[in-house]
Amino acid sequence: MSANFEYYKAFYYVARCLSFTQAASILHSSQPAITRAIHNLENELGCQLFYRSKHSVSLTPEGEILFNKHVAPACEHLFKGEEDLNAFMGLDQGTVYVGATETAMHCYLLDKLSLYHTTYPSVSIKISNTSTPRAVEHVKSGRVDFAVVTTPVNYDEPLKMTPLKSFREILVGNASFAHLTLKNWHLSELMNYPIICLSKETMTRQFFDQLYQSHHLLMQPDIELATADLVIPVLLKGLGIGFVPEEEVSHHLKTGELVKIPVYEEIPERQICIIKNIHRPLNSATREMIKLLKPSA
C-alpha cells in the first residue's frame, strides 16, 4: 500500500523544520494532525523516521535517507511546479499572510498594500499586527509568509532581512509643552519631564534604552504602552513627551496639536525591513507582494 502524499508533505516540513509545531503552522494544520500523519507514514514504511524528545526532534538514519535522497527533491520539484503553474495562471486567487508592526504599517506598508490590492483585487491579505520579536517568531514558525518590521531586529538563518526604508524619530509633546521648542535640549535636561514610551518587551524600547545608556542616562518612562498605536493619542492628551517617527506626526505638527522638541543628541536612523524564510516556498501572490514592497533599484 503506497503512503498518502499528505503524509510525505508533513514529513518534508517536520524534517525541514525539525519541529512538529512549525510544520503544523506552515501547513495551517494542527500538531496532532501532523503527528498522526507521521505515525501513519512510519507504520506504512515499517520504520521510525524521527527521534523525539521533550525538547527536540531529529531524523533517524532511515529518516535521513528518505528525506535527503527522495522526499526533499521530490517535494521541492512539485512545489516549484505549483509555483510555475500559479505564475502561468496569473494572480486571480490566493492568500498572503503578513506580519507587521504598527510603525511599519503606518510609515510604509499601508500605501503599498493599497496599490497591491488595486492591482490584484482577488488576492486575500491576512495581516497579523504585532511587535517585531513576535513577527519574527511568526515567520520562523510559518504562521506568516513574511513580516515587515522595524529595526533593531534579532534573527538567524534561515531568516533573511531586506531593508525597505529609513526613518527617524523626533521628540514631541502637545501644545502644553510649547515652551520646550524655544531652545535645544540635552536629554539629561529633560529627565524631569514625563516620558511616554513602549514597554521593555518591544525593540523600540530597547533601542531608546540603549540610546540613553550611550549618554550615561537611564530611561525611566512615566507611562509605558504595550503597542505603538497608543503613543500618539496619549501624547495628544498632554500626558507627557515621547519619541515618534516624524512621518507619523507630520499632520499633527502642521496643525499645532503636537510640537517638535529640539534635542542636541542625534537620534540614529532606523530601518523598515522585510523578514522572510529563504527555505520556505512562497506562492506567486506572495512573491509579487514582496517584489512590490522592495524599493526600486
Protein backbone atom coordinates (compact mmCIF):
# COMPACT_ATOMS: atom_id res chain seq x y z
CA MET A 1 0.00 0.00 0.00
CA SER A 2 1.52 3.35 -1.03
CA ALA A 3 1.54 6.17 1.53
CA ASN A 4 -0.67 9.24 1.13
CA PHE A 5 1.21 12.23 -0.35
CA GLU A 6 -0.05 14.37 2.54
CA TYR A 7 1.98 12.11 4.85
CA TYR A 8 5.10 12.81 2.82
CA LYS A 9 4.29 16.54 2.80
CA ALA A 10 4.02 16.50 6.59
CA PHE A 11 7.27 14.53 6.77
CA TYR A 12 9.01 17.06 4.50
CA TYR A 13 8.14 20.05 6.68
CA VAL A 14 8.82 18.32 10.01
CA ALA A 15 12.21 17.20 8.65
CA ARG A 16 12.93 20.67 7.23
CA CYS A 17 11.97 22.50 10.44
CA LEU A 18 12.79 19.71 12.93
CA SER A 19 9.60 20.78 14.67
CA PHE A 20 6.07 19.35 14.61
CA THR A 21 4.70 22.72 15.76
CA GLN A 22 6.36 24.72 12.98
CA ALA A 23 5.33 22.15 10.36
CA ALA A 24 1.72 22.45 11.55
CA SER A 25 1.88 26.26 11.27
CA ILE A 26 3.29 26.16 7.74
CA LEU A 27 0.62 23.69 6.62
CA HIS A 28 -2.12 25.57 8.53
CA SER A 29 -2.90 22.34 10.33
CA SER A 30 -2.76 21.17 13.94
CA GLN A 31 0.12 19.49 15.71
CA PRO A 32 -1.94 16.34 16.48
CA ALA A 33 -2.83 16.04 12.77
CA ILE A 34 0.85 16.28 11.79
CA THR A 35 1.79 13.75 14.48
CA ARG A 36 -0.85 11.33 13.16
CA ALA A 37 0.42 11.76 9.57
CA ILE A 38 3.99 10.93 10.63
CA HIS A 39 2.80 7.97 12.71
CA ASN A 40 0.79 6.63 9.76
CA LEU A 41 3.76 7.07 7.41
CA GLU A 42 6.07 5.24 9.83
CA ASN A 43 3.56 2.39 10.12
CA GLU A 44 3.23 2.08 6.34
CA LEU A 45 7.01 2.17 5.78
CA GLY A 46 7.73 -0.10 8.74
CA CYS A 47 10.45 2.09 10.28
CA GLN A 48 10.96 5.01 12.63
CA LEU A 49 11.67 8.32 10.90
CA PHE A 50 12.27 10.67 13.84
CA TYR A 51 13.84 10.59 17.27
CA ARG A 52 11.53 12.55 19.57
CA SER A 53 12.32 14.03 22.96
CA LYS A 54 10.61 16.64 25.09
CA HIS A 55 12.72 19.47 23.66
CA SER A 56 13.96 18.28 20.25
CA VAL A 57 13.21 16.36 17.07
CA SER A 58 15.86 14.75 14.83
CA LEU A 59 15.88 12.36 11.90
CA THR A 60 16.78 8.70 12.31
CA PRO A 61 19.25 7.20 9.79
CA GLU A 62 16.23 5.86 7.87
CA GLY A 63 14.63 9.31 8.01
CA GLU A 64 17.83 10.95 6.73
CA ILE A 65 17.93 8.64 3.70
CA LEU A 66 14.25 9.12 2.92
CA PHE A 67 14.40 12.91 3.29
CA ASN A 68 17.70 13.76 1.61
CA LYS A 69 17.62 11.28 -1.27
CA HIS A 70 13.93 11.09 -2.09
CA VAL A 71 11.32 13.26 -0.32
CA ALA A 72 13.11 16.64 -0.31
CA PRO A 73 13.99 16.58 -4.05
CA ALA A 74 10.52 15.28 -4.95
CA CYS A 75 8.58 17.79 -2.83
CA GLU A 76 10.70 20.75 -3.90
CA HIS A 77 10.24 19.75 -7.53
CA LEU A 78 6.47 19.57 -7.03
CA PHE A 79 6.38 22.88 -5.14
CA LYS A 80 8.32 24.52 -7.97
CA GLY A 81 5.79 23.05 -10.41
CA GLU A 82 2.94 24.60 -8.39
CA GLU A 83 4.70 27.97 -8.41
CA ASP A 84 5.26 27.81 -12.16
CA LEU A 85 1.62 26.90 -12.70
CA ASN A 86 0.44 29.74 -10.47
CA ALA A 87 2.65 32.15 -12.37
CA PHE A 88 1.25 30.87 -15.68
CA MET A 89 -2.35 31.18 -14.47
CA GLY A 90 -1.84 34.66 -13.03
CA LEU A 91 -2.87 36.06 -9.66
CA ASP A 92 -6.62 35.55 -9.72
CA GLN A 93 -6.67 33.88 -6.31
CA GLY A 94 -4.55 33.05 -3.30
CA THR A 95 -3.84 34.35 0.20
CA VAL A 96 -0.87 36.29 1.53
CA TYR A 97 -0.12 36.11 5.27
CA VAL A 98 1.81 39.15 6.54
CA GLY A 99 3.16 40.06 9.97
CA ALA A 100 3.67 43.79 10.64
CA THR A 101 4.48 46.29 13.37
CA GLU A 102 2.44 49.46 13.85
CA THR A 103 5.27 51.73 12.68
CA ALA A 104 5.93 49.62 9.58
CA MET A 105 2.20 49.64 8.81
CA HIS A 106 1.76 53.42 9.02
CA CYS A 107 5.12 54.53 7.61
CA TYR A 108 5.34 52.13 4.68
CA LEU A 109 3.10 49.08 4.37
CA LEU A 110 -0.41 50.56 4.10
CA ASP A 111 0.28 52.57 0.94
CA LYS A 112 1.92 49.54 -0.69
CA LEU A 113 -0.98 47.25 0.30
CA SER A 114 -3.45 49.68 -1.26
CA LEU A 115 -1.54 49.55 -4.55
CA TYR A 116 -1.27 45.75 -4.38
CA HIS A 117 -4.99 45.33 -3.69
CA THR A 118 -5.84 47.60 -6.62
CA THR A 119 -3.60 45.52 -8.90
CA TYR A 120 -4.64 42.09 -7.58
CA PRO A 121 -8.15 42.52 -6.09
CA SER A 122 -8.84 38.77 -5.93
CA VAL A 123 -5.91 38.00 -3.63
CA SER A 124 -6.82 37.78 0.06
CA ILE A 125 -4.47 39.53 2.51
CA LYS A 126 -4.28 38.39 6.15
CA ILE A 127 -2.35 40.79 8.42
CA SER A 128 -1.07 39.91 11.89
CA ASN A 129 -0.35 43.20 13.69
CA THR A 130 2.26 42.61 16.38
CA SER A 131 5.69 43.52 17.79
CA THR A 132 8.97 42.93 15.95
CA PRO A 133 10.05 39.93 18.09
CA ARG A 134 6.66 38.23 17.69
CA ALA A 135 6.56 38.94 13.96
CA VAL A 136 9.98 37.31 13.56
CA GLU A 137 8.76 34.28 15.51
CA HIS A 138 5.69 34.07 13.28
CA VAL A 139 7.91 34.00 10.17
CA LYS A 140 10.12 31.34 11.74
CA SER A 141 7.15 29.15 12.70
CA GLY A 142 5.44 29.60 9.34
CA ARG A 143 2.42 31.40 10.76
CA VAL A 144 3.02 34.23 8.25
CA ASP A 145 4.72 34.23 4.84
CA PHE A 146 6.89 37.23 5.72
CA ALA A 147 6.97 40.19 8.08
CA VAL A 148 7.52 43.92 7.70
CA VAL A 149 9.13 45.21 10.89
CA THR A 150 11.38 47.94 12.28
CA THR A 151 14.97 47.63 13.41
CA PRO A 152 16.63 46.70 15.67
CA VAL A 153 15.66 43.11 14.90
CA ASN A 154 17.17 39.82 16.05
CA TYR A 155 17.04 36.90 13.62
CA ASP A 156 19.13 33.98 12.42
CA GLU A 157 19.22 31.58 9.48
CA PRO A 158 17.22 30.62 7.53
CA LEU A 159 15.62 34.05 8.02
CA LYS A 160 16.81 36.91 5.83
CA MET A 161 16.36 40.68 6.27
CA THR A 162 15.92 43.13 3.38
CA PRO A 163 15.85 46.90 4.20
CA LEU A 164 12.97 48.87 2.65
CA LYS A 165 13.07 52.40 4.04
CA SER A 166 14.88 54.54 6.62
CA PHE A 167 13.08 56.65 9.20
CA ARG A 168 13.97 58.74 12.21
CA GLU A 169 12.13 59.53 15.45
CA ILE A 170 11.71 63.01 16.88
CA LEU A 171 10.75 64.15 20.38
CA VAL A 172 7.28 65.68 20.59
CA GLY A 173 4.64 66.84 23.06
CA ASN A 174 1.30 68.59 22.80
CA ALA A 175 0.84 72.38 22.87
CA SER A 176 1.26 72.49 26.66
CA PHE A 177 4.96 71.72 26.07
CA ALA A 178 5.41 74.57 23.53
CA HIS A 179 7.92 76.30 25.84
CA LEU A 180 10.32 73.42 25.15
CA THR A 181 10.55 74.42 21.49
CA LEU A 182 12.44 77.65 22.20
CA LYS A 183 15.91 76.05 22.56
CA ASN A 184 17.84 72.84 22.01
CA TRP A 185 17.85 70.48 24.97
CA HIS A 186 20.21 67.78 26.14
CA LEU A 187 18.40 64.57 27.03
CA SER A 188 19.72 64.95 30.58
CA GLU A 189 17.90 68.29 30.89
CA LEU A 190 14.58 66.64 30.03
CA MET A 191 14.76 63.88 32.65
CA ASN A 192 12.28 65.67 34.93
CA TYR A 193 9.59 65.78 32.26
CA PRO A 194 7.14 62.84 31.98
CA ILE A 195 8.29 60.43 29.29
CA ILE A 196 5.94 58.19 27.29
CA CYS A 197 7.46 55.08 25.74
CA LEU A 198 6.72 51.50 24.76
CA SER A 199 7.19 48.59 27.17
CA LYS A 200 10.51 46.78 27.68
CA GLU A 201 9.33 43.82 25.55
CA THR A 202 9.49 45.92 22.38
CA MET A 203 12.55 46.53 20.20
CA THR A 204 11.69 50.26 20.09
CA ARG A 205 12.06 50.47 23.86
CA GLN A 206 15.34 48.55 23.72
CA PHE A 207 16.56 50.98 21.06
CA PHE A 208 15.86 54.01 23.27
CA ASP A 209 17.20 52.31 26.39
CA GLN A 210 20.50 51.82 24.53
CA LEU A 211 20.42 55.39 23.23
CA TYR A 212 20.03 56.78 26.75
CA GLN A 213 22.71 54.43 28.10
CA SER A 214 25.14 55.65 25.42
CA HIS A 215 24.77 59.10 27.02
CA HIS A 216 25.12 57.68 30.56
CA LEU A 217 21.41 58.10 31.27
CA LEU A 218 18.67 55.74 32.39
CA MET A 219 15.36 56.00 30.59
CA GLN A 220 12.54 55.86 33.15
CA PRO A 221 9.18 56.31 31.39
CA ASP A 222 6.25 57.66 33.38
CA ILE A 223 3.84 55.83 31.06
CA GLU A 224 4.69 52.53 29.32
CA LEU A 225 2.45 51.37 26.49
CA ALA A 226 2.12 47.89 25.01
CA THR A 227 1.52 48.95 21.40
CA ALA A 228 2.75 51.84 19.25
CA ASP A 229 -0.75 52.85 18.12
CA LEU A 230 -1.42 54.19 21.65
CA VAL A 231 1.58 56.54 21.80
CA ILE A 232 0.25 59.43 19.69
CA PRO A 233 -3.22 59.53 21.38
CA VAL A 234 -1.52 59.67 24.81
CA LEU A 235 0.83 62.44 23.60
CA LEU A 236 -2.13 64.42 22.23
CA LYS A 237 -3.72 64.32 25.70
CA GLY A 238 -0.66 66.05 27.14
CA LEU A 239 0.31 63.23 29.47
CA GLY A 240 3.99 63.58 28.60
CA ILE A 241 6.58 63.84 25.83
CA GLY A 242 7.85 60.99 23.68
CA PHE A 243 9.75 59.87 20.60
CA VAL A 244 7.74 59.01 17.49
CA PRO A 245 8.55 58.60 13.78
CA GLU A 246 8.43 62.09 12.24
CA GLU A 247 6.35 60.85 9.31
CA GLU A 248 3.59 59.61 11.63
CA VAL A 249 3.07 63.00 13.29
CA SER A 250 3.59 65.36 10.33
CA HIS A 251 -0.13 66.21 10.25
CA HIS A 252 -0.27 66.92 13.99
CA LEU A 253 2.82 69.14 13.72
CA LYS A 254 1.19 71.17 10.93
CA THR A 255 -2.00 71.68 12.92
CA GLY A 256 -0.10 72.56 16.10
CA GLU A 257 -1.63 69.70 18.08
CA LEU A 258 1.91 68.46 18.65
CA VAL A 259 5.19 70.38 18.75
CA LYS A 260 8.73 69.19 17.98
CA ILE A 261 11.15 69.48 20.90
CA PRO A 262 14.74 70.03 19.64
CA VAL A 263 17.46 67.88 21.23
CA TYR A 264 21.25 68.10 20.87
CA GLU A 265 21.78 64.35 20.70
CA GLU A 266 21.41 62.75 17.28
CA ILE A 267 18.71 60.08 17.15
CA PRO A 268 20.07 57.30 14.90
CA GLU A 269 18.10 56.28 11.84
CA ARG A 270 16.16 53.03 11.94
CA GLN A 271 15.00 50.78 9.11
CA ILE A 272 11.71 49.30 7.99
CA CYS A 273 12.57 45.89 6.57
CA ILE A 274 11.21 42.57 5.30
CA ILE A 275 11.95 39.37 7.18
CA LYS A 276 11.38 36.12 5.28
CA ASN A 277 12.37 32.45 5.49
CA ILE A 278 14.58 31.69 2.49
CA HIS A 279 13.83 27.95 2.80
CA ARG A 280 10.07 28.35 2.60
CA PRO A 281 8.41 28.16 -0.83
CA LEU A 282 6.13 31.16 -1.48
CA ASN A 283 3.16 31.29 -3.82
CA SER A 284 3.13 33.75 -6.72
CA ALA A 285 0.79 36.16 -4.90
CA THR A 286 3.25 36.45 -2.01
CA ARG A 287 6.25 36.80 -4.31
CA GLU A 288 4.52 39.62 -6.20
CA MET A 289 3.75 41.44 -2.95
CA ILE A 290 7.38 41.20 -1.80
CA LYS A 291 8.51 42.44 -5.23
CA LEU A 292 6.15 45.43 -4.92
CA LEU A 293 7.36 46.22 -1.39
CA LYS A 294 11.03 46.35 -2.35
CA PRO A 295 12.25 49.84 -3.35
CA SER A 296 13.10 50.38 -7.00
CA ALA A 297 16.78 49.99 -7.83
